[in-house]
């Protein structure tokens, strides 16, 4: 899938960690739906991610897809046979 992601954390030069490219297709967990994202926003949180900074107890696992807000269309349910639905 095409994505904007952080390859690692870089405190001195956060934009050096920014990558635009292909990532593996996500696994859709039981009970979840997959959305084909058409619009996403990046915000201050993503700059902290690029720096490797988090307020959470657990460290950031890289690579990490950026963007907390998005809009898109329903793609499929867990277990669907990969056909798109309207």
N, C-alpha and C. Protein backbone atom coordinates (compact mmCIF):
# COMPACT_ATOMS: atom_id res chain seq x y z
N UNK A 1 0.84 -1.17 0.00
CA UNK A 1 0.00 0.00 0.00
C UNK A 1 0.89 1.23 0.00
N UNK A 2 0.41 2.30 -0.57
CA UNK A 2 1.14 3.57 -0.61
C UNK A 2 0.93 4.27 0.73
N UNK A 3 2.01 4.78 1.33
CA UNK A 3 1.90 5.40 2.65
C UNK A 3 2.97 6.46 2.87
N UNK A 4 2.69 7.34 3.82
CA UNK A 4 3.68 8.29 4.34
C UNK A 4 4.00 7.77 5.73
N UNK A 5 5.29 7.50 5.98
CA UNK A 5 5.63 6.89 7.26
C UNK A 5 6.98 7.37 7.79
N UNK A 6 7.18 7.12 9.08
CA UNK A 6 8.44 7.42 9.74
C UNK A 6 9.27 6.15 9.74
N UNK A 7 10.47 6.22 9.16
CA UNK A 7 11.33 5.04 9.11
C UNK A 7 12.02 4.80 10.46
N UNK A 8 12.25 5.86 11.20
CA UNK A 8 12.88 5.80 12.51
C UNK A 8 12.68 7.16 13.18
N UNK A 9 13.20 7.31 14.38
CA UNK A 9 13.13 8.61 15.05
C UNK A 9 14.43 9.37 14.86
N UNK A 10 14.32 10.66 14.54
CA UNK A 10 15.51 11.47 14.32
C UNK A 10 15.30 12.81 15.02
N UNK A 11 15.83 12.92 16.22
CA UNK A 11 15.63 14.11 17.04
C UNK A 11 16.23 15.36 16.42
N UNK A 12 17.38 15.24 15.77
CA UNK A 12 18.07 16.39 15.19
C UNK A 12 17.47 16.85 13.86
N UNK A 13 16.99 15.90 13.05
CA UNK A 13 16.46 16.23 11.72
C UNK A 13 15.23 15.35 11.45
N UNK A 14 14.07 15.69 12.04
CA UNK A 14 12.88 14.85 11.92
C UNK A 14 12.48 14.53 10.48
N UNK A 15 12.63 15.48 9.56
CA UNK A 15 12.21 15.23 8.19
C UNK A 15 13.08 14.19 7.48
N UNK A 16 14.27 13.92 8.01
CA UNK A 16 15.12 12.87 7.44
C UNK A 16 14.51 11.49 7.66
N UNK A 17 13.61 11.36 8.62
CA UNK A 17 12.95 10.08 8.91
C UNK A 17 11.67 9.90 8.10
N UNK A 18 11.25 10.93 7.36
CA UNK A 18 10.00 10.88 6.58
C UNK A 18 10.22 10.12 5.28
N UNK A 19 9.36 9.13 5.03
CA UNK A 19 9.44 8.32 3.82
C UNK A 19 8.07 8.27 3.17
N UNK A 20 8.04 8.39 1.86
CA UNK A 20 6.82 8.24 1.07
C UNK A 20 7.06 7.04 0.17
N UNK A 21 6.26 6.00 0.34
CA UNK A 21 6.49 4.81 -0.47
C UNK A 21 5.56 3.67 -0.12
N UNK A 22 5.93 2.50 -0.55
CA UNK A 22 5.11 1.30 -0.37
C UNK A 22 5.39 0.62 0.96
N UNK A 23 4.33 0.12 1.58
CA UNK A 23 4.39 -0.68 2.80
C UNK A 23 3.56 -1.92 2.57
N UNK A 24 3.78 -2.98 3.36
CA UNK A 24 2.95 -4.19 3.21
C UNK A 24 1.47 -3.91 3.49
N UNK A 25 0.60 -4.64 2.82
CA UNK A 25 -0.84 -4.52 3.09
C UNK A 25 -1.12 -4.89 4.54
N UNK A 26 -1.99 -4.15 5.22
CA UNK A 26 -2.28 -4.46 6.63
C UNK A 26 -3.14 -5.71 6.77
N UNK A 27 -2.99 -6.38 7.89
CA UNK A 27 -3.85 -7.51 8.23
C UNK A 27 -5.07 -6.94 8.93
N UNK A 28 -6.26 -7.34 8.50
CA UNK A 28 -7.51 -6.83 9.09
C UNK A 28 -7.92 -7.77 10.22
N UNK A 29 -7.87 -7.30 11.48
CA UNK A 29 -8.24 -8.17 12.61
C UNK A 29 -9.72 -8.53 12.60
N UNK A 30 -10.04 -9.62 13.26
CA UNK A 30 -11.42 -10.08 13.41
C UNK A 30 -12.27 -8.95 13.99
N UNK A 31 -13.42 -8.68 13.37
CA UNK A 31 -14.35 -7.66 13.85
C UNK A 31 -14.05 -6.24 13.36
N UNK A 32 -12.98 -6.05 12.61
CA UNK A 32 -12.61 -4.74 12.09
C UNK A 32 -13.02 -4.64 10.63
N UNK A 33 -13.06 -3.43 10.11
CA UNK A 33 -13.25 -3.21 8.67
C UNK A 33 -12.03 -2.46 8.16
N UNK A 34 -11.74 -2.64 6.87
CA UNK A 34 -10.64 -1.91 6.25
C UNK A 34 -11.22 -0.75 5.46
N UNK A 35 -10.56 0.40 5.56
CA UNK A 35 -10.98 1.61 4.86
C UNK A 35 -9.88 2.00 3.89
N UNK A 36 -10.23 2.24 2.65
CA UNK A 36 -9.26 2.75 1.67
C UNK A 36 -9.23 4.26 1.86
N UNK A 37 -8.14 4.76 2.44
CA UNK A 37 -8.02 6.17 2.79
C UNK A 37 -7.75 6.99 1.53
N UNK A 38 -8.52 8.05 1.36
CA UNK A 38 -8.32 8.94 0.22
C UNK A 38 -7.76 10.30 0.66
N UNK A 39 -7.97 10.66 1.92
CA UNK A 39 -7.47 11.93 2.45
C UNK A 39 -6.98 11.72 3.87
N UNK A 40 -5.84 12.29 4.19
CA UNK A 40 -5.30 12.19 5.54
C UNK A 40 -4.60 13.49 5.90
N UNK A 41 -4.53 13.76 7.18
CA UNK A 41 -3.84 14.97 7.61
C UNK A 41 -2.67 14.59 8.52
N UNK A 42 -1.65 15.40 8.48
CA UNK A 42 -0.53 15.26 9.39
C UNK A 42 -0.60 16.43 10.36
N UNK A 43 -0.19 16.20 11.60
CA UNK A 43 -0.26 17.27 12.59
C UNK A 43 0.96 17.23 13.50
N UNK A 44 0.93 18.01 14.53
CA UNK A 44 2.08 18.14 15.44
C UNK A 44 2.51 16.78 16.01
N UNK A 45 1.56 15.93 16.29
CA UNK A 45 1.88 14.59 16.81
C UNK A 45 2.83 13.85 15.87
N UNK A 46 2.64 14.02 14.58
CA UNK A 46 3.49 13.33 13.60
C UNK A 46 4.93 13.86 13.62
N UNK A 47 5.12 15.13 13.92
CA UNK A 47 6.47 15.68 14.06
C UNK A 47 7.16 15.02 15.25
N UNK A 48 6.42 14.87 16.36
CA UNK A 48 7.01 14.19 17.52
C UNK A 48 7.36 12.74 17.16
N UNK A 49 6.50 12.07 16.41
CA UNK A 49 6.80 10.70 15.99
C UNK A 49 8.07 10.66 15.15
N UNK A 50 8.20 11.59 14.20
CA UNK A 50 9.41 11.65 13.37
C UNK A 50 10.65 11.89 14.23
N UNK A 51 10.48 12.57 15.35
CA UNK A 51 11.59 12.82 16.26
C UNK A 51 11.86 11.62 17.17
N UNK A 52 10.91 10.67 17.21
CA UNK A 52 11.04 9.53 18.10
C UNK A 52 10.59 9.82 19.52
N UNK A 53 9.80 10.88 19.68
CA UNK A 53 9.34 11.33 21.00
C UNK A 53 7.90 10.88 21.22
N UNK A 54 7.61 10.32 22.38
CA UNK A 54 6.25 9.91 22.71
C UNK A 54 5.98 10.17 24.20
N UNK A 55 4.72 10.38 24.54
CA UNK A 55 4.33 10.53 25.93
C UNK A 55 3.89 9.19 26.52
N UNK A 56 3.88 8.16 25.71
CA UNK A 56 3.45 6.83 26.15
C UNK A 56 4.59 6.12 26.88
N UNK A 57 4.23 5.13 27.69
CA UNK A 57 5.24 4.35 28.41
C UNK A 57 6.05 3.49 27.44
N UNK A 58 5.40 2.96 26.42
CA UNK A 58 6.07 2.11 25.44
C UNK A 58 6.77 2.96 24.38
N UNK A 59 7.91 2.50 23.92
CA UNK A 59 8.63 3.20 22.85
C UNK A 59 7.89 3.05 21.53
N UNK A 60 8.15 3.95 20.60
CA UNK A 60 7.54 3.88 19.27
C UNK A 60 8.17 2.74 18.50
N UNK A 61 7.34 1.94 17.85
CA UNK A 61 7.82 0.86 17.00
C UNK A 61 7.86 1.38 15.57
N UNK A 62 9.06 1.41 14.99
CA UNK A 62 9.24 1.88 13.62
C UNK A 62 9.41 0.70 12.68
N UNK A 63 9.01 0.86 11.42
CA UNK A 63 8.39 2.03 10.80
C UNK A 63 6.96 2.20 11.29
N UNK A 64 6.49 3.48 11.27
CA UNK A 64 5.14 3.80 11.70
C UNK A 64 4.46 4.68 10.66
N UNK A 65 3.25 4.26 10.27
CA UNK A 65 2.45 5.05 9.34
C UNK A 65 2.03 6.32 10.06
N UNK A 66 2.17 7.47 9.41
CA UNK A 66 1.81 8.75 10.01
C UNK A 66 0.36 9.11 9.70
N UNK A 67 -0.18 10.03 10.47
CA UNK A 67 -1.54 10.52 10.25
C UNK A 67 -2.51 9.92 11.25
N UNK A 68 -3.23 10.79 11.94
CA UNK A 68 -4.23 10.34 12.91
C UNK A 68 -5.65 10.52 12.40
N UNK A 69 -5.82 11.40 11.44
CA UNK A 69 -7.15 11.71 10.93
C UNK A 69 -7.19 11.33 9.46
N UNK A 70 -8.27 10.70 9.05
CA UNK A 70 -8.38 10.33 7.64
C UNK A 70 -9.82 10.17 7.22
N UNK A 71 -10.01 10.16 5.92
CA UNK A 71 -11.33 9.93 5.34
C UNK A 71 -11.15 8.96 4.18
N UNK A 72 -12.13 8.11 3.99
CA UNK A 72 -12.03 7.15 2.90
C UNK A 72 -13.32 6.38 2.73
N UNK A 73 -13.20 5.26 2.02
CA UNK A 73 -14.36 4.42 1.73
C UNK A 73 -14.15 3.03 2.30
N UNK A 74 -15.27 2.42 2.68
CA UNK A 74 -15.25 1.04 3.14
C UNK A 74 -14.58 0.17 2.08
N UNK A 75 -13.68 -0.68 2.50
CA UNK A 75 -12.99 -1.56 1.56
C UNK A 75 -13.43 -3.00 1.76
N UNK A 76 -13.29 -3.53 2.99
CA UNK A 76 -13.76 -4.90 3.25
C UNK A 76 -13.73 -5.22 4.73
N UNK A 77 -14.49 -6.25 5.09
CA UNK A 77 -14.51 -6.78 6.45
C UNK A 77 -13.44 -7.84 6.60
N UNK A 78 -13.06 -8.11 7.84
CA UNK A 78 -12.18 -9.25 8.11
C UNK A 78 -12.84 -10.50 7.53
N UNK A 79 -12.10 -11.28 6.80
CA UNK A 79 -12.64 -12.53 6.26
C UNK A 79 -13.30 -12.40 4.90
N UNK A 80 -13.52 -11.17 4.40
CA UNK A 80 -14.08 -11.02 3.06
C UNK A 80 -13.13 -11.65 2.05
N UNK A 81 -13.65 -11.97 0.91
CA UNK A 81 -12.83 -12.60 -0.14
C UNK A 81 -12.15 -11.58 -1.04
N UNK A 82 -11.79 -10.44 -0.46
CA UNK A 82 -11.02 -9.38 -1.13
C UNK A 82 -11.78 -8.65 -2.23
N UNK A 83 -13.08 -8.83 -2.35
CA UNK A 83 -13.85 -8.05 -3.32
C UNK A 83 -14.27 -6.76 -2.66
N UNK A 84 -14.17 -5.69 -3.38
CA UNK A 84 -14.62 -4.40 -2.84
C UNK A 84 -16.14 -4.38 -2.81
N UNK A 85 -16.67 -3.67 -1.84
CA UNK A 85 -18.11 -3.44 -1.76
C UNK A 85 -18.38 -1.99 -2.12
N UNK A 86 -19.59 -1.69 -2.57
CA UNK A 86 -19.90 -0.30 -2.94
C UNK A 86 -19.86 0.62 -1.74
